[in-house]
Protein backbone atom coordinates (compact mmCIF):
# COMPACT_ATOMS: atom_id res chain seq x y z
CA MET A 1 -21.32 23.54 -24.98
CA GLU A 2 -18.56 22.32 -27.25
CA ILE A 3 -15.61 20.45 -25.56
CA GLN A 4 -12.33 20.83 -27.14
CA SER A 5 -10.09 17.76 -27.22
CA PRO A 6 -6.40 18.87 -27.40
CA GLN A 7 -3.91 16.30 -28.77
CA ILE A 8 -1.25 14.53 -26.64
CA GLU A 9 2.25 15.81 -27.58
CA MET A 10 5.51 14.25 -26.50
CA LYS A 11 7.81 17.00 -25.11
CA PRO A 12 11.35 16.91 -23.69
CA VAL A 13 11.39 17.22 -20.04
CA ALA A 14 14.03 20.02 -20.24
CA LEU A 15 11.52 22.32 -22.14
CA LEU A 16 8.83 22.21 -19.38
CA LYS A 17 8.84 24.90 -16.71
CA PRO A 18 7.26 24.55 -13.38
CA TYR A 19 4.65 27.25 -12.43
CA ALA A 20 6.16 29.44 -9.78
CA GLY A 21 2.78 29.91 -8.13
CA ASN A 22 2.02 26.33 -7.56
CA ALA A 23 0.94 25.93 -3.87
CA ARG A 24 0.98 22.19 -3.95
CA ARG A 25 4.11 20.68 -2.48
CA HIS A 26 5.42 17.24 -3.24
CA SER A 27 7.52 15.33 -0.70
CA ARG A 28 10.31 12.95 -1.81
CA LYS A 29 8.33 10.04 -0.66
CA GLN A 30 5.32 11.01 -2.80
CA VAL A 31 7.49 11.62 -5.89
CA GLN A 32 8.98 8.16 -5.42
CA GLN A 33 5.43 6.71 -5.24
CA ILE A 34 4.55 8.57 -8.41
CA ALA A 35 7.60 7.16 -10.16
CA GLU A 36 6.82 3.58 -9.00
CA SER A 37 3.30 4.09 -10.33
CA ILE A 38 4.73 5.25 -13.79
CA ARG A 39 7.14 2.33 -13.76
CA ARG A 40 4.40 -0.24 -13.25
CA PHE A 41 1.32 1.34 -15.05
CA GLY A 42 3.08 3.63 -17.37
CA PHE A 43 2.66 7.46 -17.94
CA THR A 44 -1.16 7.29 -18.07
CA ASN A 45 -1.90 10.94 -16.95
CA PRO A 46 -0.26 13.66 -19.29
CA VAL A 47 1.28 16.76 -17.92
CA LEU A 48 -0.94 19.90 -18.73
CA VAL A 49 0.97 22.85 -20.06
CA SER A 50 0.42 26.24 -21.47
CA ASP A 51 1.52 27.47 -24.97
CA GLN A 52 4.86 28.57 -23.31
CA ASN A 53 5.40 25.07 -21.93
CA GLU A 54 4.64 26.27 -18.31
CA ILE A 55 3.13 23.49 -16.38
CA VAL A 56 -0.49 23.90 -15.32
CA ALA A 57 -0.95 20.29 -13.55
CA GLY A 58 1.41 17.61 -13.39
CA HIS A 59 4.42 19.08 -11.36
CA GLY A 60 4.62 15.77 -9.43
CA ARG A 61 4.56 13.71 -12.39
CA LEU A 62 7.34 15.73 -14.09
CA MET A 63 9.51 15.28 -10.99
CA ALA A 64 8.86 11.70 -11.00
CA ALA A 65 9.87 11.63 -14.71
CA LYS A 66 13.05 13.16 -13.81
CA GLU A 67 13.58 10.60 -11.03
CA LEU A 68 13.13 7.82 -13.69
CA GLY A 69 15.50 9.49 -16.06
CA LEU A 70 12.80 10.04 -18.81
CA SER A 71 13.82 12.40 -21.55
CA GLN A 72 10.20 12.88 -22.75
CA VAL A 73 6.89 12.97 -21.29
CA PRO A 74 3.17 13.14 -22.77
CA THR A 75 1.66 16.60 -22.40
CA LEU A 76 -1.67 18.24 -23.35
CA ARG A 77 -1.46 21.83 -24.34
CA LEU A 78 -4.28 24.12 -22.81
CA SER A 79 -4.25 26.76 -25.54
CA ASN A 80 -8.08 27.46 -24.97
CA LEU A 81 -7.46 28.66 -21.40
CA SER A 82 -6.59 32.25 -20.51
CA ALA A 83 -3.83 33.20 -18.15
CA GLU A 84 -6.37 33.64 -15.42
CA GLU A 85 -8.09 30.36 -16.02
CA ARG A 86 -4.90 28.50 -15.95
CA ARG A 87 -4.00 30.21 -12.70
CA ALA A 88 -7.28 29.07 -11.22
CA TYR A 89 -6.96 25.63 -12.65
CA VAL A 90 -3.65 25.07 -10.93
CA ILE A 91 -5.44 25.13 -7.63
CA ALA A 92 -8.69 23.42 -8.87
CA ASP A 93 -6.75 20.49 -10.22
CA ASN A 94 -5.32 19.76 -6.70
CA LYS A 95 -8.21 20.79 -4.53
CA LEU A 96 -10.99 19.02 -6.37
CA ALA A 97 -9.24 15.65 -5.86
CA LEU A 98 -9.09 16.36 -2.13
CA ASN A 99 -12.84 16.90 -1.81
CA ALA A 100 -13.53 13.29 -2.66
CA GLY A 101 -14.01 10.65 0.04
CA TRP A 102 -13.52 6.95 0.40
CA ASP A 103 -16.06 4.12 0.79
CA ASN A 104 -13.87 2.35 3.44
CA GLU A 105 -15.60 -0.90 3.06
CA ILE A 106 -15.15 -1.18 -0.74
CA LEU A 107 -11.59 0.23 -0.40
CA ALA A 108 -10.81 -2.54 2.20
CA ILE A 109 -12.19 -5.23 -0.10
CA GLU A 110 -10.24 -3.81 -3.21
CA LEU A 111 -6.98 -3.67 -1.09
CA GLN A 112 -7.56 -7.16 0.40
CA SER A 113 -8.15 -8.57 -3.12
CA LEU A 114 -4.72 -7.15 -4.31
CA ILE A 115 -2.93 -8.66 -1.41
CA ASN A 116 -4.63 -12.02 -2.05
CA LEU A 117 -3.35 -11.78 -5.50
CA ASP A 118 0.21 -11.18 -4.45
CA PHE A 119 0.20 -7.74 -5.92
CA ASP A 120 2.05 -4.85 -4.38
CA ALA A 121 -0.70 -2.94 -2.86
CA THR A 122 1.60 0.02 -1.88
CA LEU A 123 1.60 0.94 -5.60
CA THR A 124 -1.93 2.44 -4.88
CA GLY A 125 -0.15 5.15 -2.73
CA PHE A 126 -1.10 3.51 0.63
CA SER A 127 1.53 2.46 3.09
CA LEU A 128 1.46 -1.00 4.49
CA ALA A 129 0.37 0.62 7.88
CA GLU A 130 -2.43 2.47 6.16
CA ILE A 131 -3.63 -0.70 4.37
CA ASP A 132 -3.58 -2.71 7.65
CA LEU A 133 -5.61 0.06 9.33
CA VAL A 134 -8.19 0.36 6.50
CA ILE A 135 -8.75 -3.39 6.44
CA ASP A 136 -8.72 -3.73 10.18
CA GLU A 137 -11.22 -0.94 10.69
CA ALA A 138 -13.56 -2.30 7.99
CA ARG A 139 -13.37 -5.68 9.66
CA ASN A 140 -14.18 -4.31 13.12
CA SER A 141 -17.08 -2.20 11.82
CA SER A 142 -18.77 -4.92 9.77
CA PRO A 143 -21.38 -6.90 11.70
CA ILE A 144 -20.47 -10.59 11.61
CA ALA A 145 -23.19 -13.09 12.49
CA ALA A 146 -22.11 -15.36 15.30
CA ASP A 147 -21.70 -18.92 14.39
CA PRO A 148 -21.45 -20.93 17.55
CA GLU A 149 -20.20 -24.04 15.57
CA THR A 150 -17.47 -22.11 13.95
CA ASP A 151 -16.30 -20.52 17.08
CA ARG A 152 -16.54 -23.73 19.19
CA ILE A 153 -13.33 -24.91 20.52
CA PRO A 154 -13.01 -28.68 19.88
CA ASP A 155 -12.32 -30.97 22.98
CA ARG A 156 -8.72 -32.18 23.33
CA PRO A 157 -8.65 -35.68 21.81
CA ALA A 158 -7.84 -38.61 24.14
CA HIS A 159 -5.06 -39.73 21.76
CA PRO A 160 -3.54 -36.62 19.97
CA VAL A 161 -2.69 -36.85 16.36
CA SER A 162 0.63 -35.08 16.63
CA ARG A 163 2.97 -35.50 19.55
CA LEU A 164 6.17 -33.61 20.47
CA GLY A 165 8.96 -34.51 18.07
CA ASP A 166 6.61 -35.16 15.01
CA ILE A 167 7.54 -33.37 11.81
CA TRP A 168 4.76 -32.91 9.26
CA ILE A 169 5.92 -32.55 5.50
CA LEU A 170 3.79 -29.95 3.71
CA GLY A 171 5.08 -29.76 0.19
CA ARG A 172 8.39 -28.27 0.35
CA HIS A 173 7.88 -27.20 3.85
CA ARG A 174 8.31 -28.96 7.31
CA LEU A 175 6.13 -28.24 10.30
CA MET A 176 7.30 -29.55 13.67
CA CYS A 177 5.41 -30.04 16.94
CA GLY A 178 8.25 -29.01 19.22
CA ASN A 179 9.93 -26.18 21.14
CA SER A 180 11.86 -23.44 19.36
CA LEU A 181 13.89 -22.99 22.57
CA GLU A 182 15.34 -26.54 22.39
CA ALA A 183 18.40 -26.81 20.17
CA ASN A 184 17.68 -30.48 19.38
CA ASP A 185 14.12 -29.70 18.08
CA VAL A 186 15.52 -26.92 15.76
CA ASP A 187 18.25 -29.23 14.47
CA GLN A 188 15.69 -31.98 13.79
CA LEU A 189 13.47 -29.64 11.85
CA LEU A 190 16.24 -28.00 9.88
CA GLN A 191 18.09 -31.31 9.02
CA GLY A 192 21.26 -29.36 8.44
CA GLU A 193 19.74 -26.81 6.22
CA VAL A 194 19.81 -23.14 6.94
CA ALA A 195 16.65 -21.09 7.52
CA ASP A 196 15.68 -18.39 4.94
CA LEU A 197 13.74 -16.33 7.37
CA VAL A 198 12.89 -16.39 11.07
CA PHE A 199 9.74 -14.51 12.49
CA THR A 200 10.14 -13.48 16.20
CA ASP A 201 8.71 -10.85 18.27
CA PRO A 202 10.84 -10.16 21.22
CA PRO A 203 10.10 -8.88 24.04
CA TYR A 204 7.26 -11.22 24.50
CA ASN A 205 3.89 -10.61 26.14
CA VAL A 206 4.11 -6.84 25.48
CA PRO A 207 0.59 -5.25 24.64
CA ILE A 208 0.17 -3.99 21.09
CA ASP A 209 -1.85 -0.84 22.10
CA GLY A 210 0.76 2.03 22.97
CA HIS A 211 3.67 0.16 21.69
CA VAL A 212 3.05 -0.68 18.00
CA THR A 213 2.17 2.74 16.74
CA GLY A 214 4.76 3.98 14.51
CA LEU A 215 5.15 7.78 15.23
CA GLY A 216 1.82 7.69 17.14
CA GLU A 217 -0.50 8.22 14.12
CA VAL A 218 -1.20 4.38 13.51
CA ARG A 219 -2.96 2.45 16.10
CA HIS A 220 -3.49 -1.31 15.83
CA ARG A 221 -5.92 -3.36 17.74
CA GLU A 222 -4.88 -5.92 20.45
CA LEU A 223 -4.02 -9.50 19.26
CA PRO A 224 -6.68 -12.02 20.28
CA SER A 225 -5.90 -13.96 23.43
CA PRO A 226 -5.32 -17.67 22.95
CA PRO A 227 -7.88 -20.05 24.27
CA VAL A 228 -7.48 -21.32 27.82
CA ARG A 229 -7.23 -25.08 27.78
């Protein structure tokens, strides 16, 4: 079988016509995600069109292009397809991608690698909550050999290295052994400067399960309990 290779043509956005029978719907959130992907990676997937400039595949990409204010987009003309074949391909292009699955372990490794590189992993189309869930589930499902030495809680030293009031200089950061509820401790730590960011989680001692769930679709595991001294 001979495979035809159509040439990429740049076409004005205004000339492209959406196919009225396209059953796939794109939410505004997804269009914005596609737009962010195009902004970061470029327009890597051309819009497929008929000889009459009717879109066969790429409705979401065209919407994203309009969101970005692009005047032209790359297109591929499917002149070799009949009207019936184009009609079928509109469905096939969307459905065939949905039939694929994920290797969750590999997916978790790849997402974690992007995070470790300080790359915006949400450009993959996964939300932060979904990324957290994928990594968390992969971690919990992977058997981890117990290492008694690693898990052993060391005995409290007779003479602690750090005492209340100590401030450790960590490069341009300062770490204090103190009480954040004590104004004097906070003043000592900040030394007249203003904090850029404060992490806090009131109300305290609230279980994660049943509370941190978004709209109920995302479930997070409980945080580990601190060791009892």
